[in-house]
Amino acid sequence: MLKRLLEAKPLIRIIESHSGLTGLIAETVRVECDGGVREFDGIWMSSLTDSAV
């Protein structure tokens, strides 16, 4: 899926999540800006960030 995103868009937005709560926020946040809507294309969560909390 990441490869398809990189081929389809010139810029992708990925945010790091360190807990279930921040993952939920990243998944649902939307910002209206300059007549368009911006949201994250993906969420990064590694085993290090998962175990650090």
Protein backbone atom coordinates (compact mmCIF):
# COMPACT_ATOMS: atom_id res chain seq x y z
CA MET A 1 0.00 0.00 0.00
CA LEU A 2 2.87 2.41 0.74
CA LYS A 3 4.28 1.82 -2.72
CA ARG A 4 0.90 2.65 -4.30
CA LEU A 5 0.66 5.85 -2.25
CA LEU A 6 4.15 6.93 -3.31
CA GLU A 7 3.29 6.33 -6.95
CA ALA A 8 -0.10 8.08 -6.75
CA LYS A 9 0.77 11.21 -4.79
CA PRO A 10 3.71 13.61 -4.93
CA LEU A 11 3.58 14.05 -1.13
CA ILE A 12 2.23 11.73 1.54
CA ARG A 13 1.60 12.51 5.20
CA ILE A 14 2.55 9.88 7.78
CA ILE A 15 2.31 10.42 11.54
CA GLU A 16 3.88 8.38 14.33
CA SER A 17 1.58 6.90 16.94
CA HIS A 18 2.77 5.70 20.32
CA SER A 19 -0.53 4.49 21.78
CA GLY A 20 -4.01 3.42 20.78
CA LEU A 21 -5.37 6.86 21.65
CA THR A 22 -2.94 8.74 19.42
CA GLY A 23 -3.61 6.20 16.67
CA LEU A 24 -7.33 6.92 16.92
CA ILE A 25 -6.68 10.66 16.79
CA ALA A 26 -4.38 10.31 13.76
CA GLU A 27 -6.96 8.15 11.99
CA THR A 28 -9.85 10.60 12.45
CA VAL A 29 -8.27 14.07 12.33
CA ARG A 30 -9.21 16.24 9.33
CA VAL A 31 -8.18 19.84 8.69
CA GLU A 32 -9.91 22.17 6.24
CA CYS A 33 -7.35 24.46 4.66
CA ASP A 34 -7.38 26.59 1.50
CA GLY A 35 -10.68 25.13 0.32
CA GLY A 36 -9.51 21.53 0.69
CA VAL A 37 -9.39 18.84 3.33
CA ARG A 38 -6.10 17.46 4.62
CA GLU A 39 -5.67 14.23 6.53
CA PHE A 40 -2.93 11.70 7.20
CA ASP A 41 -2.26 9.01 4.60
CA GLY A 42 -0.80 6.57 7.10
CA ILE A 43 0.24 5.86 10.67
CA TRP A 44 3.66 4.61 11.76
CA MET A 45 3.83 2.50 14.90
CA SER A 46 6.94 0.48 15.69
CA SER A 47 7.49 -2.07 18.42
CA LEU A 48 9.81 0.41 20.16
CA THR A 49 7.16 3.12 20.40
CA ASP A 50 4.55 0.54 21.39
CA SER A 51 6.66 -0.80 24.26
CA ALA A 52 7.97 2.59 25.43
CA VAL A 53 4.60 3.80 26.73
